[in-house]
Amino acid sequence: MKKILVVDDEMDALEAIKHRLEARNYSVLTCYNAKEVLGICEREMPDAILLDIAMPEMNGYEICELLKKGSKTKNIPIILVTGERLEPKSITDRCLQLGANSFILKPMDIEDLFAKIKEVLKEK
């Protein structure tokens, strides 16, 4: 069973995604505090991370950058999640620059999310 870490400061969104992933037989870890992400990743070594960009204290871009610099965490696939209405190319460029594997816009299309998860797990 593949383990997915879902990071989001919105509890309702976190729980909704968790239930959808569990329904598809993923093991799900959740985190709503950006400062805990690194420790959880080093301890649990998830197969992939679904990481919200808009977070207090430390945003998803900063967390992604730290994870990709970590010797234990650098190979964990990351899907960045954003509600920002940016030009898709600018999001793609920023994701590539930081080493993220993909991104998805909020509100999420759940089938698109599952397709992206399958895609990044194959890359791993």
C-alpha atoms as a PDB file:
ATOM      1  CA  MET A   1       0.000   0.000   0.000  1.00  0.00           C
ATOM      2  CA  LYS A   2       1.468   3.354  -1.062  1.00  0.00           C
ATOM      3  CA  LYS A   3       1.801   6.024   1.617  1.00  0.00           C
ATOM      4  CA  ILE A   4       0.792   9.608   0.770  1.00  0.00           C
ATOM      5  CA  LEU A   5       1.472  12.614   3.002  1.00  0.00           C
ATOM      6  CA  VAL A   6      -1.162  15.339   2.606  1.00  0.00           C
ATOM      7  CA  VAL A   7      -0.090  18.788   3.842  1.00  0.00           C
ATOM      8  CA  ASP A   8      -2.726  21.522   4.097  1.00  0.00           C
ATOM      9  CA  ASP A   9      -3.606  24.081   6.768  1.00  0.00           C
ATOM     10  CA  GLU A  10      -7.328  23.822   5.946  1.00  0.00           C
ATOM     11  CA  MET A  11      -8.636  20.961   8.093  1.00  0.00           C
ATOM     12  CA  ASP A  12     -11.773  20.371   5.994  1.00  0.00           C
ATOM     13  CA  ALA A  13      -9.739  20.072   2.791  1.00  0.00           C
ATOM     14  CA  LEU A  14      -7.234  17.809   4.524  1.00  0.00           C
ATOM     15  CA  GLU A  15      -9.936  15.433   5.780  1.00  0.00           C
ATOM     16  CA  ALA A  16     -11.771  15.352   2.441  1.00  0.00           C
ATOM     17  CA  ILE A  17      -8.608  14.444   0.536  1.00  0.00           C
ATOM     18  CA  LYS A  18      -7.639  11.888   3.190  1.00  0.00           C
ATOM     19  CA  HIS A  19     -10.976  10.075   2.890  1.00  0.00           C
ATOM     20  CA  ARG A  20     -10.848  10.050  -0.911  1.00  0.00           C
ATOM     21  CA  LEU A  21      -7.295   8.643  -0.910  1.00  0.00           C
ATOM     22  CA  GLU A  22      -8.123   5.996   1.692  1.00  0.00           C
ATOM     23  CA  ALA A  23     -11.121   4.944  -0.411  1.00  0.00           C
ATOM     24  CA  ARG A  24      -8.612   4.185  -3.198  1.00  0.00           C
ATOM     25  CA  ASN A  25      -6.475   2.087  -0.824  1.00  0.00           C
ATOM     26  CA  TYR A  26      -3.708   4.562  -0.113  1.00  0.00           C
ATOM     27  CA  SER A  27      -2.254   4.841   3.361  1.00  0.00           C
ATOM     28  CA  VAL A  28      -2.583   8.520   4.294  1.00  0.00           C
ATOM     29  CA  LEU A  29      -0.563  10.676   6.658  1.00  0.00           C
ATOM     30  CA  THR A  30      -1.780  14.214   7.298  1.00  0.00           C
ATOM     31  CA  CYS A  31      -0.059  17.354   8.459  1.00  0.00           C
ATOM     32  CA  TYR A  32      -1.474  20.853   8.856  1.00  0.00           C
ATOM     33  CA  ASN A  33       1.609  22.464  10.400  1.00  0.00           C
ATOM     34  CA  ALA A  34       4.319  23.298   7.863  1.00  0.00           C
ATOM     35  CA  LYS A  35       7.079  23.078  10.454  1.00  0.00           C
ATOM     36  CA  GLU A  36       6.312  19.386  11.092  1.00  0.00           C
ATOM     37  CA  VAL A  37       6.569  18.253   7.473  1.00  0.00           C
ATOM     38  CA  LEU A  38      10.329  17.589   7.413  1.00  0.00           C
ATOM     39  CA  GLY A  39      10.251  15.473  10.567  1.00  0.00           C
ATOM     40  CA  ILE A  40       7.271  13.455   9.374  1.00  0.00           C
ATOM     41  CA  CYS A  41       8.941  12.828   6.018  1.00  0.00           C
ATOM     42  CA  GLU A  42      12.216  11.710   7.566  1.00  0.00           C
ATOM     43  CA  ARG A  43      10.406   9.380  10.002  1.00  0.00           C
ATOM     44  CA  GLU A  44       7.695   8.005   7.735  1.00  0.00           C
ATOM     45  CA  MET A  45       9.274   8.240   4.255  1.00  0.00           C
ATOM     46  CA  PRO A  46       6.002   8.637   2.318  1.00  0.00           C
ATOM     47  CA  ASP A  47       5.842   7.466  -1.291  1.00  0.00           C
ATOM     48  CA  ALA A  48       4.534  10.886  -2.374  1.00  0.00           C
ATOM     49  CA  ILE A  49       3.563  14.265  -0.889  1.00  0.00           C
ATOM     50  CA  LEU A  50       0.540  16.393  -1.753  1.00  0.00           C
ATOM     51  CA  LEU A  51       1.676  19.839  -0.590  1.00  0.00           C
ATOM     52  CA  ASP A  52      -0.460  22.972  -0.398  1.00  0.00           C
ATOM     53  CA  ILE A  53       1.404  26.126  -1.428  1.00  0.00           C
ATOM     54  CA  ALA A  54      -0.564  28.667   0.639  1.00  0.00           C
ATOM     55  CA  MET A  55       0.380  27.868   4.233  1.00  0.00           C
ATOM     56  CA  PRO A  56       1.134  30.073   7.243  1.00  0.00           C
ATOM     57  CA  GLU A  57       4.655  30.196   8.713  1.00  0.00           C
ATOM     58  CA  MET A  58       6.285  28.514   5.713  1.00  0.00           C
ATOM     59  CA  ASN A  59       4.724  28.162   2.265  1.00  0.00           C
ATOM     60  CA  GLY A  60       4.699  25.052   0.109  1.00  0.00           C
ATOM     61  CA  TYR A  61       7.434  26.389  -2.163  1.00  0.00           C
ATOM     62  CA  GLU A  62       9.769  26.756   0.837  1.00  0.00           C
ATOM     63  CA  ILE A  63       8.882  23.303   2.171  1.00  0.00           C
ATOM     64  CA  CYS A  64       9.409  21.764  -1.271  1.00  0.00           C
ATOM     65  CA  GLU A  65      12.821  23.383  -1.526  1.00  0.00           C
ATOM     66  CA  LEU A  66      13.864  22.055   1.900  1.00  0.00           C
ATOM     67  CA  LEU A  67      12.605  18.547   1.109  1.00  0.00           C
ATOM     68  CA  LYS A  68      14.486  18.461  -2.201  1.00  0.00           C
ATOM     69  CA  LYS A  69      17.705  19.512  -0.418  1.00  0.00           C
ATOM     70  CA  GLY A  70      17.380  16.812   2.275  1.00  0.00           C
ATOM     71  CA  SER A  71      19.481  13.694   1.764  1.00  0.00           C
ATOM     72  CA  LYS A  72      16.652  11.427   3.004  1.00  0.00           C
ATOM     73  CA  THR A  73      13.762  13.294   1.374  1.00  0.00           C
ATOM     74  CA  LYS A  74      15.107  14.525  -1.972  1.00  0.00           C
ATOM     75  CA  ASN A  75      13.638  11.641  -3.980  1.00  0.00           C
ATOM     76  CA  ILE A  76      10.096  11.790  -2.582  1.00  0.00           C
ATOM     77  CA  PRO A  77       7.751  12.941  -5.377  1.00  0.00           C
ATOM     78  CA  ILE A  78       5.897  16.174  -4.567  1.00  0.00           C
ATOM     79  CA  ILE A  79       2.643  17.430  -6.063  1.00  0.00           C
ATOM     80  CA  LEU A  80       2.124  21.101  -5.249  1.00  0.00           C
ATOM     81  CA  VAL A  81      -1.481  22.220  -4.680  1.00  0.00           C
ATOM     82  CA  THR A  82      -2.527  25.792  -5.356  1.00  0.00           C
ATOM     83  CA  GLY A  83      -5.666  27.845  -5.413  1.00  0.00           C
ATOM     84  CA  GLU A  84      -3.701  30.682  -7.004  1.00  0.00           C
ATOM     85  CA  ARG A  85      -4.979  31.678 -10.394  1.00  0.00           C
ATOM     86  CA  LEU A  86      -1.606  31.961 -12.018  1.00  0.00           C
ATOM     87  CA  GLU A  87      -0.639  31.352 -15.583  1.00  0.00           C
ATOM     88  CA  PRO A  88      -0.147  27.548 -15.753  1.00  0.00           C
ATOM     89  CA  LYS A  89       3.277  28.065 -17.333  1.00  0.00           C
ATOM     90  CA  SER A  90       4.474  30.167 -14.383  1.00  0.00           C
ATOM     91  CA  ILE A  91       3.342  27.455 -11.937  1.00  0.00           C
ATOM     92  CA  THR A  92       4.998  24.768 -14.053  1.00  0.00           C
ATOM     93  CA  ASP A  93       8.231  26.766 -14.248  1.00  0.00           C
ATOM     94  CA  ARG A  94       8.287  27.328 -10.483  1.00  0.00           C
ATOM     95  CA  CYS A  95       7.552  23.641  -9.801  1.00  0.00           C
ATOM     96  CA  LEU A  96      10.374  22.525 -12.070  1.00  0.00           C
ATOM     97  CA  GLN A  97      12.733  25.083 -10.556  1.00  0.00           C
ATOM     98  CA  LEU A  98      12.049  23.707  -7.052  1.00  0.00           C
ATOM     99  CA  GLY A  99      12.124  20.057  -8.065  1.00  0.00           C
ATOM    100  CA  ALA A 100       8.406  19.356  -7.596  1.00  0.00           C
ATOM    101  CA  ASN A 101       7.056  16.620  -9.823  1.00  0.00           C
ATOM    102  CA  SER A 102       3.661  18.106 -10.608  1.00  0.00           C
ATOM    103  CA  PHE A 103       0.968  20.539  -9.487  1.00  0.00           C
ATOM    104  CA  ILE A 104      -2.790  20.627  -9.269  1.00  0.00           C
ATOM    105  CA  LEU A 105      -5.196  23.556  -8.964  1.00  0.00           C
ATOM    106  CA  LYS A 106      -7.890  23.943  -6.292  1.00  0.00           C
ATOM    107  CA  PRO A 107     -10.700  23.128  -6.391  1.00  0.00           C
ATOM    108  CA  MET A 108      -9.309  19.738  -7.350  1.00  0.00           C
ATOM    109  CA  ASP A 109     -10.794  17.386  -9.849  1.00  0.00           C
ATOM    110  CA  ILE A 110     -10.408  14.133  -7.916  1.00  0.00           C
ATOM    111  CA  GLU A 111      -9.799  12.001 -11.010  1.00  0.00           C
ATOM    112  CA  ASP A 112      -7.068  14.431 -12.096  1.00  0.00           C
ATOM    113  CA  LEU A 113      -5.530  14.128  -8.631  1.00  0.00           C
ATOM    114  CA  PHE A 114      -5.460  10.328  -8.821  1.00  0.00           C
ATOM    115  CA  ALA A 115      -3.923  10.487 -12.302  1.00  0.00           C
ATOM    116  CA  LYS A 116      -1.166  12.803 -11.028  1.00  0.00           C
ATOM    117  CA  ILE A 117      -0.483  10.567  -8.020  1.00  0.00           C
ATOM    118  CA  LYS A 118      -0.180   7.497 -10.250  1.00  0.00           C
ATOM    119  CA  GLU A 119       2.102   9.445 -12.586  1.00  0.00           C
ATOM    120  CA  VAL A 120       4.532  10.562  -9.854  1.00  0.00           C
ATOM    121  CA  LEU A 121       4.568   7.131  -8.234  1.00  0.00           C
ATOM    122  CA  LYS A 122       5.654   5.592 -11.549  1.00  0.00           C
ATOM    123  CA  GLU A 123       8.522   8.114 -11.764  1.00  0.00           C
ATOM    124  CA  LYS A 124       9.797   7.149  -8.332  1.00  0.00           C
END
